[in-house]
Amino acid sequence: MYEQLGANLSIGKSIEQWLPPDIHPNYIVLRMLTISKERNSTYATSYVEYFDEGNEKFTDVYAFTFLNPDEPELLNNFNSVDEALQFVLASYNATPDKFVTQGMIQDEYKDYLKTRDK
């Protein structure tokens, strides 16, 4: 599993993971992790929260409003893929087999919509 994730990162493809949303009485917060390889050969992790503003016709989570627009994404840098993965697994309860390549998170959102709208 780690080998495939590392292979994607080594060729410049970021990986992302959809995390369970935080559901509040009047709104839903979508949560997402990203790991990417930086130009200096370190690995950056980021954690982002968005308001759930989508529907079946609007699934571009990157265009959703940040929960806290005045606060930057939570970023951390690591010297290896393994360190970055261990960090997100421990800090965000991520799952190694649920990472997708960048851009595929829209499909994860579409799957989520099927359960949200029930």
PDB file of N, CA and C in Angstrom:
ATOM      1  N   MET A   1       0.836  -1.198   0.000  1.00  0.00           N
ATOM      2  CA  MET A   1       0.000   0.000   0.000  1.00  0.00           C
ATOM      3  C   MET A   1       0.871   1.248   0.000  1.00  0.00           C
ATOM      4  N   TYR A   2       1.801   1.325   0.951  1.00  0.00           N
ATOM      5  CA  TYR A   2       2.663   2.499   1.025  1.00  0.00           C
ATOM      6  C   TYR A   2       3.478   2.667  -0.251  1.00  0.00           C
ATOM      7  N   GLU A   3       3.836   1.548  -0.891  1.00  0.00           N
ATOM      8  CA  GLU A   3       4.640   1.629  -2.100  1.00  0.00           C
ATOM      9  C   GLU A   3       3.901   2.389  -3.193  1.00  0.00           C
ATOM     10  N   GLN A   4       2.609   2.097  -3.376  1.00  0.00           N
ATOM     11  CA  GLN A   4       1.827   2.779  -4.408  1.00  0.00           C
ATOM     12  C   GLN A   4       1.679   4.259  -4.090  1.00  0.00           C
ATOM     13  N   LEU A   5       1.429   4.568  -2.825  1.00  0.00           N
ATOM     14  CA  LEU A   5       1.313   5.976  -2.429  1.00  0.00           C
ATOM     15  C   LEU A   5       2.629   6.705  -2.684  1.00  0.00           C
ATOM     16  N   GLY A   6       3.716   6.079  -2.280  1.00  0.00           N
ATOM     17  CA  GLY A   6       5.031   6.670  -2.496  1.00  0.00           C
ATOM     18  C   GLY A   6       5.359   6.827  -3.966  1.00  0.00           C
ATOM     19  N   ALA A   7       4.939   5.852  -4.789  1.00  0.00           N
ATOM     20  CA  ALA A   7       5.187   5.928  -6.231  1.00  0.00           C
ATOM     21  C   ALA A   7       4.440   7.113  -6.839  1.00  0.00           C
ATOM     22  N   ASN A   8       3.190   7.305  -6.449  1.00  0.00           N
ATOM     23  CA  ASN A   8       2.428   8.456  -6.952  1.00  0.00           C
ATOM     24  C   ASN A   8       3.104   9.759  -6.559  1.00  0.00           C
ATOM     25  N   LEU A   9       3.510   9.853  -5.316  1.00  0.00           N
ATOM     26  CA  LEU A   9       4.156  11.073  -4.853  1.00  0.00           C
ATOM     27  C   LEU A   9       5.490  11.313  -5.550  1.00  0.00           C
ATOM     28  N   SER A  10       6.249  10.259  -5.788  1.00  0.00           N
ATOM     29  CA  SER A  10       7.573  10.424  -6.390  1.00  0.00           C
ATOM     30  C   SER A  10       7.494  10.949  -7.820  1.00  0.00           C
ATOM     31  N   ILE A  11       6.375  10.696  -8.522  1.00  0.00           N
ATOM     32  CA  ILE A  11       6.240  11.217  -9.885  1.00  0.00           C
ATOM     33  C   ILE A  11       5.455  12.534  -9.914  1.00  0.00           C
ATOM     34  N   GLY A  12       5.249  13.110  -8.725  1.00  0.00           N
ATOM     35  CA  GLY A  12       4.641  14.434  -8.652  1.00  0.00           C
ATOM     36  C   GLY A  12       3.130  14.454  -8.509  1.00  0.00           C
ATOM     37  N   LYS A  13       2.514  13.313  -8.296  1.00  0.00           N
ATOM     38  CA  LYS A  13       1.065  13.278  -8.100  1.00  0.00           C
ATOM     39  C   LYS A  13       0.752  13.369  -6.618  1.00  0.00           C
ATOM     40  N   SER A  14       0.020  14.385  -6.236  1.00  0.00           N
ATOM     41  CA  SER A  14      -0.410  14.507  -4.846  1.00  0.00           C
ATOM     42  C   SER A  14      -1.465  13.444  -4.561  1.00  0.00           C
ATOM     43  N   ILE A  15      -1.576  13.090  -3.296  1.00  0.00           N
ATOM     44  CA  ILE A  15      -2.621  12.162  -2.877  1.00  0.00           C
ATOM     45  C   ILE A  15      -3.507  12.859  -1.856  1.00  0.00           C
ATOM     46  N   GLU A  16      -4.780  12.486  -1.852  1.00  0.00           N
ATOM     47  CA  GLU A  16      -5.747  13.139  -0.975  1.00  0.00           C
ATOM     48  C   GLU A  16      -6.602  12.084  -0.289  1.00  0.00           C
ATOM     49  N   GLN A  17      -7.195  12.512   0.812  1.00  0.00           N
ATOM     50  CA  GLN A  17      -8.138  11.625   1.499  1.00  0.00           C
ATOM     51  C   GLN A  17      -9.308  12.425   2.024  1.00  0.00           C
ATOM     52  N   TRP A  18     -10.471  11.887   1.747  1.00  0.00           N
ATOM     53  CA  TRP A  18     -11.732  12.414   2.255  1.00  0.00           C
ATOM     54  C   TRP A  18     -11.882  11.909   3.685  1.00  0.00           C
ATOM     55  N   LEU A  19     -12.143  12.791   4.614  1.00  0.00           N
ATOM     56  CA  LEU A  19     -12.371  12.407   6.001  1.00  0.00           C
ATOM     57  C   LEU A  19     -13.855  12.556   6.322  1.00  0.00           C
ATOM     58  N   PRO A  20     -14.362  11.842   7.295  1.00  0.00           N
ATOM     59  CA  PRO A  20     -15.777  11.998   7.640  1.00  0.00           C
ATOM     60  C   PRO A  20     -16.103  13.455   7.968  1.00  0.00           C
ATOM     61  N   PRO A  21     -17.253  13.927   7.507  1.00  0.00           N
ATOM     62  CA  PRO A  21     -17.620  15.326   7.756  1.00  0.00           C
ATOM     63  C   PRO A  21     -17.999  15.564   9.217  1.00  0.00           C
ATOM     64  N   ASP A  22     -17.894  16.821   9.625  1.00  0.00           N
ATOM     65  CA  ASP A  22     -18.402  17.248  10.935  1.00  0.00           C
ATOM     66  C   ASP A  22     -19.793  17.813  10.697  1.00  0.00           C
ATOM     67  N   ILE A  23     -20.786  17.200  11.291  1.00  0.00           N
ATOM     68  CA  ILE A  23     -22.164  17.618  11.070  1.00  0.00           C
ATOM     69  C   ILE A  23     -22.640  18.452  12.253  1.00  0.00           C
ATOM     70  N   HIS A  24     -23.066  19.661  11.955  1.00  0.00           N
ATOM     71  CA  HIS A  24     -23.580  20.600  12.948  1.00  0.00           C
ATOM     72  C   HIS A  24     -25.059  20.838  12.664  1.00  0.00           C
ATOM     73  N   PRO A  25     -25.801  21.415  13.601  1.00  0.00           N
ATOM     74  CA  PRO A  25     -27.240  21.606  13.375  1.00  0.00           C
ATOM     75  C   PRO A  25     -27.584  22.408  12.109  1.00  0.00           C
ATOM     76  N   ASN A  26     -26.792  23.424  11.774  1.00  0.00           N
ATOM     77  CA  ASN A  26     -27.142  24.289  10.649  1.00  0.00           C
ATOM     78  C   ASN A  26     -26.192  24.208   9.457  1.00  0.00           C
ATOM     79  N   TYR A  27     -25.155  23.400   9.556  1.00  0.00           N
ATOM     80  CA  TYR A  27     -24.203  23.294   8.457  1.00  0.00           C
ATOM     81  C   TYR A  27     -23.369  22.028   8.610  1.00  0.00           C
ATOM     82  N   ILE A  28     -22.696  21.680   7.522  1.00  0.00           N
ATOM     83  CA  ILE A  28     -21.817  20.509   7.495  1.00  0.00           C
ATOM     84  C   ILE A  28     -20.425  20.975   7.073  1.00  0.00           C
ATOM     85  N   VAL A  29     -19.416  20.478   7.771  1.00  0.00           N
ATOM     86  CA  VAL A  29     -18.031  20.804   7.447  1.00  0.00           C
ATOM     87  C   VAL A  29     -17.386  19.591   6.781  1.00  0.00           C
ATOM     88  N   LEU A  30     -16.892  19.799   5.572  1.00  0.00           N
ATOM     89  CA  LEU A  30     -16.158  18.765   4.856  1.00  0.00           C
ATOM     90  C   LEU A  30     -14.688  18.873   5.221  1.00  0.00           C
ATOM     91  N   ARG A  31     -14.037  17.718   5.357  1.00  0.00           N
ATOM     92  CA  ARG A  31     -12.632  17.702   5.780  1.00  0.00           C
ATOM     93  C   ARG A  31     -11.816  16.881   4.784  1.00  0.00           C
ATOM     94  N   MET A  32     -10.614  17.384   4.466  1.00  0.00           N
ATOM     95  CA  MET A  32      -9.786  16.731   3.471  1.00  0.00           C
ATOM     96  C   MET A  32      -8.304  16.870   3.804  1.00  0.00           C
ATOM     97  N   LEU A  33      -7.559  15.798   3.537  1.00  0.00           N
ATOM     98  CA  LEU A  33      -6.104  15.775   3.696  1.00  0.00           C
ATOM     99  C   LEU A  33      -5.435  15.715   2.334  1.00  0.00           C
ATOM    100  N   THR A  34      -4.263  16.314   2.232  1.00  0.00           N
ATOM    101  CA  THR A  34      -3.449  16.190   1.020  1.00  0.00           C
ATOM    102  C   THR A  34      -2.006  15.964   1.424  1.00  0.00           C
ATOM    103  N   ILE A  35      -1.323  15.091   0.684  1.00  0.00           N
ATOM    104  CA  ILE A  35       0.126  14.921   0.826  1.00  0.00           C
ATOM    105  C   ILE A  35       0.710  15.168  -0.554  1.00  0.00           C
ATOM    106  N   SER A  36       1.720  16.022  -0.602  1.00  0.00           N
ATOM    107  CA  SER A  36       2.356  16.326  -1.887  1.00  0.00           C
ATOM    108  C   SER A  36       3.867  16.403  -1.724  1.00  0.00           C
ATOM    109  N   LYS A  37       4.568  16.124  -2.806  1.00  0.00           N
ATOM    110  CA  LYS A  37       6.023  16.233  -2.805  1.00  0.00           C
ATOM    111  C   LYS A  37       6.385  17.659  -3.185  1.00  0.00           C
ATOM    112  N   GLU A  38       7.250  18.257  -2.412  1.00  0.00           N
ATOM    113  CA  GLU A  38       7.682  19.631  -2.649  1.00  0.00           C
ATOM    114  C   GLU A  38       8.932  19.648  -3.523  1.00  0.00           C
ATOM    115  N   ARG A  39       9.270  20.816  -4.043  1.00  0.00           N
ATOM    116  CA  ARG A  39      10.449  20.950  -4.909  1.00  0.00           C
ATOM    117  C   ARG A  39      11.752  20.613  -4.200  1.00  0.00           C
ATOM    118  N   ASN A  40      11.773  20.806  -2.893  1.00  0.00           N
ATOM    119  CA  ASN A  40      12.996  20.520  -2.135  1.00  0.00           C
ATOM    120  C   ASN A  40      13.036  19.069  -1.656  1.00  0.00           C
ATOM    121  N   SER A  41      12.199  18.216  -2.248  1.00  0.00           N
ATOM    122  CA  SER A  41      12.127  16.776  -1.968  1.00  0.00           C
ATOM    123  C   SER A  41      11.614  16.446  -0.571  1.00  0.00           C
ATOM    124  N   THR A  42      10.945  17.396   0.070  1.00  0.00           N
ATOM    125  CA  THR A  42      10.237  17.072   1.303  1.00  0.00           C
ATOM    126  C   THR A  42       8.786  16.767   0.936  1.00  0.00           C
ATOM    127  N   TYR A  43       8.030  16.321   1.924  1.00  0.00           N
ATOM    128  CA  TYR A  43       6.634  15.966   1.706  1.00  0.00           C
ATOM    129  C   TYR A  43       5.772  16.827   2.610  1.00  0.00           C
ATOM    130  N   ALA A  44       4.841  17.529   2.004  1.00  0.00           N
ATOM    131  CA  ALA A  44       3.965  18.429   2.749  1.00  0.00           C
ATOM    132  C   ALA A  44       2.607  17.772   2.947  1.00  0.00           C
ATOM    133  N   THR A  45       2.087  17.918   4.153  1.00  0.00           N
ATOM    134  CA  THR A  45       0.725  17.475   4.428  1.00  0.00           C
ATOM    135  C   THR A  45      -0.117  18.726   4.663  1.00  0.00           C
ATOM    136  N   SER A  46      -1.355  18.680   4.214  1.00  0.00           N
ATOM    137  CA  SER A  46      -2.260  19.791   4.502  1.00  0.00           C
ATOM    138  C   SER A  46      -3.618  19.237   4.893  1.00  0.00           C
ATOM    139  N   TYR A  47      -4.277  19.981   5.738  1.00  0.00           N
ATOM    140  CA  TYR A  47      -5.612  19.642   6.215  1.00  0.00           C
ATOM    141  C   TYR A  47      -6.491  20.861   5.975  1.00  0.00           C
ATOM    142  N   VAL A  48      -7.640  20.636   5.319  1.00  0.00           N
ATOM    143  CA  VAL A  48      -8.525  21.735   4.953  1.00  0.00           C
ATOM    144  C   VAL A  48      -9.949  21.395   5.360  1.00  0.00           C
ATOM    145  N   GLU A  49     -10.678  22.422   5.795  1.00  0.00           N
ATOM    146  CA  GLU A  49     -12.099  22.278   6.108  1.00  0.00           C
ATOM    147  C   GLU A  49     -12.896  23.247   5.237  1.00  0.00           C
ATOM    148  N   TYR A  50     -13.968  22.740   4.649  1.00  0.00           N
ATOM    149  CA  TYR A  50     -14.839  23.528   3.781  1.00  0.00           C
ATOM    150  C   TYR A  50     -16.285  23.407   4.260  1.00  0.00           C
ATOM    151  N   PHE A  51     -17.084  24.421   3.968  1.00  0.00           N
ATOM    152  CA  PHE A  51     -18.523  24.282   4.133  1.00  0.00           C
ATOM    153  C   PHE A  51     -19.031  23.385   3.012  1.00  0.00           C
ATOM    154  N   ASP A  52     -19.986  22.534   3.325  1.00  0.00           N
ATOM    155  CA  ASP A  52     -20.587  21.674   2.314  1.00  0.00           C
ATOM    156  C   ASP A  52     -21.603  22.496   1.532  1.00  0.00           C
ATOM    157  N   GLU A  53     -21.205  22.951   0.355  1.00  0.00           N
ATOM    158  CA  GLU A  53     -22.051  23.806  -0.475  1.00  0.00           C
ATOM    159  C   GLU A  53     -22.468  23.113  -1.765  1.00  0.00           C
ATOM    160  N   GLY A  54     -22.149  21.845  -1.894  1.00  0.00           N
ATOM    161  CA  GLY A  54     -22.357  21.170  -3.158  1.00  0.00           C
ATOM    162  C   GLY A  54     -23.676  20.444  -3.285  1.00  0.00           C
ATOM    163  N   ASN A  55     -23.844  19.931  -4.484  1.00  0.00           N
ATOM    164  CA  ASN A  55     -24.979  19.071  -4.811  1.00  0.00           C
ATOM    165  C   ASN A  55     -24.563  18.206  -5.992  1.00  0.00           C
ATOM    166  N   GLU A  56     -25.477  17.411  -6.508  1.00  0.00           N
ATOM    167  CA  GLU A  56     -25.126  16.491  -7.588  1.00  0.00           C
ATOM    168  C   GLU A  56     -24.575  17.189  -8.823  1.00  0.00           C
ATOM    169  N   LYS A  57     -24.940  18.463  -9.034  1.00  0.00           N
ATOM    170  CA  LYS A  57     -24.471  19.201 -10.208  1.00  0.00           C
ATOM    171  C   LYS A  57     -23.241  20.062  -9.907  1.00  0.00           C
ATOM    172  N   PHE A  58     -22.922  20.217  -8.637  1.00  0.00           N
ATOM    173  CA  PHE A  58     -21.770  21.038  -8.234  1.00  0.00           C
ATOM    174  C   PHE A  58     -20.942  20.251  -7.227  1.00  0.00           C
ATOM    175  N   THR A  59     -19.898  19.589  -7.732  1.00  0.00           N
ATOM    176  CA  THR A  59     -19.088  18.706  -6.885  1.00  0.00           C
ATOM    177  C   THR A  59     -17.631  19.135  -6.776  1.00  0.00           C
ATOM    178  N   ASP A  60     -17.327  20.357  -7.190  1.00  0.00           N
ATOM    179  CA  ASP A  60     -15.947  20.840  -7.139  1.00  0.00           C
ATOM    180  C   ASP A  60     -15.617  21.318  -5.730  1.00  0.00           C
ATOM    181  N   VAL A  61     -15.188  20.395  -4.890  1.00  0.00           N
ATOM    182  CA  VAL A  61     -14.924  20.742  -3.493  1.00  0.00           C
ATOM    183  C   VAL A  61     -13.861  21.825  -3.366  1.00  0.00           C
ATOM    184  N   TYR A  62     -12.967  21.934  -4.350  1.00  0.00           N
ATOM    185  CA  TYR A  62     -11.927  22.959  -4.296  1.00  0.00           C
ATOM    186  C   TYR A  62     -12.517  24.370  -4.399  1.00  0.00           C
ATOM    187  N   ALA A  63     -13.743  24.471  -4.892  1.00  0.00           N
ATOM    188  CA  ALA A  63     -14.395  25.771  -5.044  1.00  0.00           C
ATOM    189  C   ALA A  63     -15.280  26.126  -3.850  1.00  0.00           C
ATOM    190  N   PHE A  64     -15.434  25.222  -2.902  1.00  0.00           N
ATOM    191  CA  PHE A  64     -16.264  25.489  -1.736  1.00  0.00           C
ATOM    192  C   PHE A  64     -15.576  26.507  -0.822  1.00  0.00           C
ATOM    193  N   THR A  65     -16.364  27.147   0.008  1.00  0.00           N
ATOM    194  CA  THR A  65     -15.860  28.161   0.932  1.00  0.00           C
ATOM    195  C   THR A  65     -15.131  27.505   2.100  1.00  0.00           C
ATOM    196  N   PHE A  66     -13.958  28.042   2.424  1.00  0.00           N
ATOM    197  CA  PHE A  66     -13.212  27.551   3.586  1.00  0.00           C
ATOM    198  C   PHE A  66     -14.010  27.830   4.859  1.00  0.00           C
ATOM    199  N   LEU A  67     -13.941  26.929   5.800  1.00  0.00           N
ATOM    200  CA  LEU A  67     -14.609  27.129   7.084  1.00  0.00           C
ATOM    201  C   LEU A  67     -14.060  28.377   7.771  1.00  0.00           C
ATOM    202  N   ASN A  68     -12.746  28.513   7.786  1.00  0.00           N
ATOM    203  CA  ASN A  68     -12.083  29.666   8.392  1.00  0.00           C
ATOM    204  C   ASN A  68     -11.198  30.329   7.339  1.00  0.00           C
ATOM    205  N   PRO A  69     -11.765  31.197   6.500  1.00  0.00           N
ATOM    206  CA  PRO A  69     -10.979  31.770   5.402  1.00  0.00           C
ATOM    207  C   PRO A  69      -9.792  32.615   5.844  1.00  0.00           C
ATOM    208  N   ASP A  70      -9.803  33.112   7.079  1.00  0.00           N
ATOM    209  CA  ASP A  70      -8.686  33.932   7.554  1.00  0.00           C
ATOM    210  C   ASP A  70      -7.535  33.094   8.099  1.00  0.00           C
ATOM    211  N   GLU A  71      -7.774  31.797   8.263  1.00  0.00           N
ATOM    212  CA  GLU A  71      -6.726  30.908   8.765  1.00  0.00           C
ATOM    213  C   GLU A  71      -6.217  30.055   7.607  1.00  0.00           C
ATOM    214  N   PRO A  72      -4.914  29.942   7.467  1.00  0.00           N
ATOM    215  CA  PRO A  72      -4.385  29.117   6.371  1.00  0.00           C
ATOM    216  C   PRO A  72      -4.630  27.633   6.647  1.00  0.00           C
ATOM    217  N   GLU A  73      -4.424  26.846   5.606  1.00  0.00           N
ATOM    218  CA  GLU A  73      -4.492  25.404   5.776  1.00  0.00           C
ATOM    219  C   GLU A  73      -3.456  25.004   6.823  1.00  0.00           C
ATOM    220  N   LEU A  74      -3.718  23.917   7.519  1.00  0.00           N
ATOM    221  CA  LEU A  74      -2.716  23.390   8.436  1.00  0.00           C
ATOM    222  C   LEU A  74      -1.681  22.633   7.616  1.00  0.00           C
ATOM    223  N   LEU A  75      -0.446  23.103   7.625  1.00  0.00           N
ATOM    224  CA  LEU A  75       0.621  22.517   6.825  1.00  0.00           C
ATOM    225  C   LEU A  75       1.731  21.979   7.709  1.00  0.00           C
ATOM    226  N   ASN A  76       2.279  20.865   7.299  1.00  0.00           N
ATOM    227  CA  ASN A  76       3.438  20.277   7.963  1.00  0.00           C
ATOM    228  C   ASN A  76       4.342  19.707   6.891  1.00  0.00           C
ATOM    229  N   ASN A  77       5.662  19.758   7.121  1.00  0.00           N
ATOM    230  CA  ASN A  77       6.626  19.200   6.172  1.00  0.00           C
ATOM    231  C   ASN A  77       7.407  18.077   6.817  1.00  0.00           C
ATOM    232  N   PHE A  78       7.706  17.063   5.997  1.00  0.00           N
ATOM    233  CA  PHE A  78       8.424  15.889   6.469  1.00  0.00           C
ATOM    234  C   PHE A  78       9.486  15.500   5.460  1.00  0.00           C
ATOM    235  N   ASN A  79      10.505  14.802   5.934  1.00  0.00           N
ATOM    236  CA  ASN A  79      11.621  14.409   5.068  1.00  0.00           C
ATOM    237  C   ASN A  79      11.342  13.159   4.252  1.00  0.00           C
ATOM    238  N   SER A  80      10.316  12.392   4.623  1.00  0.00           N
ATOM    239  CA  SER A  80      10.030  11.160   3.885  1.00  0.00           C
ATOM    240  C   SER A  80       8.524  10.949   3.771  1.00  0.00           C
ATOM    241  N   VAL A  81       8.154  10.136   2.799  1.00  0.00           N
ATOM    242  CA  VAL A  81       6.749   9.760   2.619  1.00  0.00           C
ATOM    243  C   VAL A  81       6.241   9.057   3.872  1.00  0.00           C
ATOM    244  N   ASP A  82       7.046   8.160   4.399  1.00  0.00           N
ATOM    245  CA  ASP A  82       6.623   7.408   5.582  1.00  0.00           C
ATOM    246  C   ASP A  82       6.316   8.324   6.762  1.00  0.00           C
ATOM    247  N   GLU A  83       7.163   9.339   6.983  1.00  0.00           N
ATOM    248  CA  GLU A  83       6.911  10.284   8.076  1.00  0.00           C
ATOM    249  C   GLU A  83       5.605  11.038   7.845  1.00  0.00           C
ATOM    250  N   ALA A  84       5.369  11.486   6.618  1.00  0.00           N
ATOM    251  CA  ALA A  84       4.141  12.220   6.299  1.00  0.00           C
ATOM    252  C   ALA A  84       2.919  11.333   6.502  1.00  0.00           C
ATOM    253  N   LEU A  85       2.996  10.106   6.026  1.00  0.00           N
ATOM    254  CA  LEU A  85       1.870   9.177   6.192  1.00  0.00           C
ATOM    255  C   LEU A  85       1.606   8.864   7.655  1.00  0.00           C
ATOM    256  N   GLN A  86       2.654   8.589   8.393  1.00  0.00           N
ATOM    257  CA  GLN A  86       2.468   8.290   9.813  1.00  0.00           C
ATOM    258  C   GLN A  86       1.824   9.465  10.544  1.00  0.00           C
ATOM    259  N   PHE A  87       2.214  10.677  10.172  1.00  0.00           N
ATOM    260  CA  PHE A  87       1.636  11.865  10.793  1.00  0.00           C
ATOM    261  C   PHE A  87       0.133  11.950  10.539  1.00  0.00           C
ATOM    262  N   VAL A  88      -0.294  11.823   9.269  1.00  0.00           N
ATOM    263  CA  VAL A  88      -1.729  11.966   8.981  1.00  0.00           C
ATOM    264  C   VAL A  88      -2.535  10.792   9.534  1.00  0.00           C
ATOM    265  N   LEU A  89      -1.929   9.613   9.576  1.00  0.00           N
ATOM    266  CA  LEU A  89      -2.638   8.466  10.154  1.00  0.00           C
ATOM    267  C   LEU A  89      -2.881   8.687  11.639  1.00  0.00           C
ATOM    268  N   ALA A  90      -1.881   9.198  12.326  1.00  0.00           N
ATOM    269  CA  ALA A  90      -2.008   9.422  13.769  1.00  0.00           C
ATOM    270  C   ALA A  90      -2.805  10.678  14.108  1.00  0.00           C
ATOM    271  N   SER A  91      -2.593  11.749  13.371  1.00  0.00           N
ATOM    272  CA  SER A  91      -3.202  13.037  13.713  1.00  0.00           C
ATOM    273  C   SER A  91      -4.649  13.182  13.260  1.00  0.00           C
ATOM    274  N   TYR A  92      -4.989  12.560  12.134  1.00  0.00           N
ATOM    275  CA  TYR A  92      -6.320  12.755  11.561  1.00  0.00           C
ATOM    276  C   TYR A  92      -7.111  11.466  11.414  1.00  0.00           C
ATOM    277  N   ASN A  93      -6.562  10.381  11.959  1.00  0.00           N
ATOM    278  CA  ASN A  93      -7.236   9.092  11.870  1.00  0.00           C
ATOM    279  C   ASN A  93      -7.477   8.697  10.414  1.00  0.00           C
ATOM    280  N   ALA A  94      -6.535   9.059   9.555  1.00  0.00           N
ATOM    281  CA  ALA A  94      -6.616   8.698   8.143  1.00  0.00           C
ATOM    282  C   ALA A  94      -6.409   7.197   7.996  1.00  0.00           C
ATOM    283  N   THR A  95      -6.761   6.670   6.837  1.00  0.00           N
ATOM    284  CA  THR A  95      -6.644   5.245   6.548  1.00  0.00           C
ATOM    285  C   THR A  95      -5.785   5.078   5.297  1.00  0.00           C
ATOM    286  N   PRO A  96      -4.746   4.242   5.359  1.00  0.00           N
ATOM    287  CA  PRO A  96      -3.829   4.130   4.214  1.00  0.00           C
ATOM    288  C   PRO A  96      -4.517   3.754   2.899  1.00  0.00           C
ATOM    289  N   ASP A  97      -5.535   2.925   2.943  1.00  0.00           N
ATOM    290  CA  ASP A  97      -6.155   2.449   1.701  1.00  0.00           C
ATOM    291  C   ASP A  97      -7.240   3.379   1.161  1.00  0.00           C
ATOM    292  N   LYS A  98      -7.433   4.543   1.781  1.00  0.00           N
ATOM    293  CA  LYS A  98      -8.462   5.460   1.311  1.00  0.00           C
ATOM    294  C   LYS A  98      -7.910   6.696   0.616  1.00  0.00           C
ATOM    295  N   PHE A  99      -6.617   6.721   0.354  1.00  0.00           N
ATOM    296  CA  PHE A  99      -6.039   7.836  -0.398  1.00  0.00           C
ATOM    297  C   PHE A  99      -6.360   7.675  -1.875  1.00  0.00           C
ATOM    298  N   VAL A 100      -6.579   8.791  -2.534  1.00  0.00           N
ATOM    299  CA  VAL A 100      -6.798   8.823  -3.980  1.00  0.00           C
ATOM    300  C   VAL A 100      -5.859   9.865  -4.567  1.00  0.00           C
ATOM    301  N   THR A 101      -5.610   9.778  -5.870  1.00  0.00           N
ATOM    302  CA  THR A 101      -4.768  10.791  -6.497  1.00  0.00           C
ATOM    303  C   THR A 101      -5.548  12.097  -6.597  1.00  0.00           C
ATOM    304  N   GLN A 102      -4.808  13.196  -6.633  1.00  0.00           N
ATOM    305  CA  GLN A 102      -5.423  14.520  -6.653  1.00  0.00           C
ATOM    306  C   GLN A 102      -6.417  14.630  -7.799  1.00  0.00           C
ATOM    307  N   GLY A 103      -7.562  15.226  -7.490  1.00  0.00           N
ATOM    308  CA  GLY A 103      -8.624  15.382  -8.461  1.00  0.00           C
ATOM    309  C   GLY A 103      -9.708  14.333  -8.335  1.00  0.00           C
ATOM    310  N   MET A 104      -9.363  13.190  -7.772  1.00  0.00           N
ATOM    311  CA  MET A 104     -10.339  12.113  -7.598  1.00  0.00           C
ATOM    312  C   MET A 104     -11.223  12.341  -6.367  1.00  0.00           C
ATOM    313  N   ILE A 105     -10.898  13.346  -5.585  1.00  0.00           N
ATOM    314  CA  ILE A 105     -11.676  13.625  -4.372  1.00  0.00           C
ATOM    315  C   ILE A 105     -13.112  14.001  -4.738  1.00  0.00           C
ATOM    316  N   GLN A 106     -13.312  14.492  -5.971  1.00  0.00           N
ATOM    317  CA  GLN A 106     -14.672  14.818  -6.425  1.00  0.00           C
ATOM    318  C   GLN A 106     -15.540  13.558  -6.415  1.00  0.00           C
ATOM    319  N   ASP A 107     -14.947  12.422  -6.793  1.00  0.00           N
ATOM    320  CA  ASP A 107     -15.696  11.161  -6.776  1.00  0.00           C
ATOM    321  C   ASP A 107     -16.040  10.759  -5.349  1.00  0.00           C
ATOM    322  N   GLU A 108     -15.130  11.023  -4.427  1.00  0.00           N
ATOM    323  CA  GLU A 108     -15.409  10.742  -3.016  1.00  0.00           C
ATOM    324  C   GLU A 108     -16.580  11.603  -2.540  1.00  0.00           C
ATOM    325  N   TYR A 109     -16.606  12.856  -2.977  1.00  0.00           N
ATOM    326  CA  TYR A 109     -17.700  13.748  -2.608  1.00  0.00           C
ATOM    327  C   TYR A 109     -19.018  13.258  -3.200  1.00  0.00           C
ATOM    328  N   LYS A 110     -19.005  12.812  -4.438  1.00  0.00           N
ATOM    329  CA  LYS A 110     -20.220  12.279  -5.068  1.00  0.00           C
ATOM    330  C   LYS A 110     -20.753  11.075  -4.285  1.00  0.00           C
ATOM    331  N   ASP A 111     -19.854  10.201  -3.846  1.00  0.00           N
ATOM    332  CA  ASP A 111     -20.281   9.058  -3.020  1.00  0.00           C
ATOM    333  C   ASP A 111     -20.899   9.534  -1.709  1.00  0.00           C
ATOM    334  N   TYR A 112     -20.290  10.541  -1.103  1.00  0.00           N
ATOM    335  CA  TYR A 112     -20.816  11.103   0.137  1.00  0.00           C
ATOM    336  C   TYR A 112     -22.216  11.687  -0.069  1.00  0.00           C
ATOM    337  N   LEU A 113     -22.436  12.351  -1.208  1.00  0.00           N
ATOM    338  CA  LEU A 113     -23.748  12.965  -1.465  1.00  0.00           C
ATOM    339  C   LEU A 113     -24.873  11.925  -1.436  1.00  0.00           C
ATOM    340  N   LYS A 114     -24.576  10.718  -1.859  1.00  0.00           N
ATOM    341  CA  LYS A 114     -25.589   9.657  -1.862  1.00  0.00           C
ATOM    342  C   LYS A 114     -26.082   9.372  -0.441  1.00  0.00           C
ATOM    343  N   THR A 115     -25.194   9.488   0.540  1.00  0.00           N
ATOM    344  CA  THR A 115     -25.595   9.235   1.927  1.00  0.00           C
ATOM    345  C   THR A 115     -26.126  10.496   2.589  1.00  0.00           C
ATOM    346  N   ARG A 116     -25.586  11.650   2.204  1.00  0.00           N
ATOM    347  CA  ARG A 116     -26.023  12.913   2.809  1.00  0.00           C
ATOM    348  C   ARG A 116     -27.468  13.213   2.512  1.00  0.00           C
ATOM    349  N   ASP A 117     -27.898  12.956   1.308  1.00  0.00           N
ATOM    350  CA  ASP A 117     -29.230  13.354   0.890  1.00  0.00           C
ATOM    351  C   ASP A 117     -30.324  12.343   1.234  1.00  0.00           C
ATOM    352  N   LYS A 118     -29.967  11.334   1.999  1.00  0.00           N
ATOM    353  CA  LYS A 118     -30.988  10.338   2.415  1.00  0.00           C
ATOM    354  C   LYS A 118     -31.687  10.760   3.677  1.00  0.00           C
TER     355      LYS A 118
END
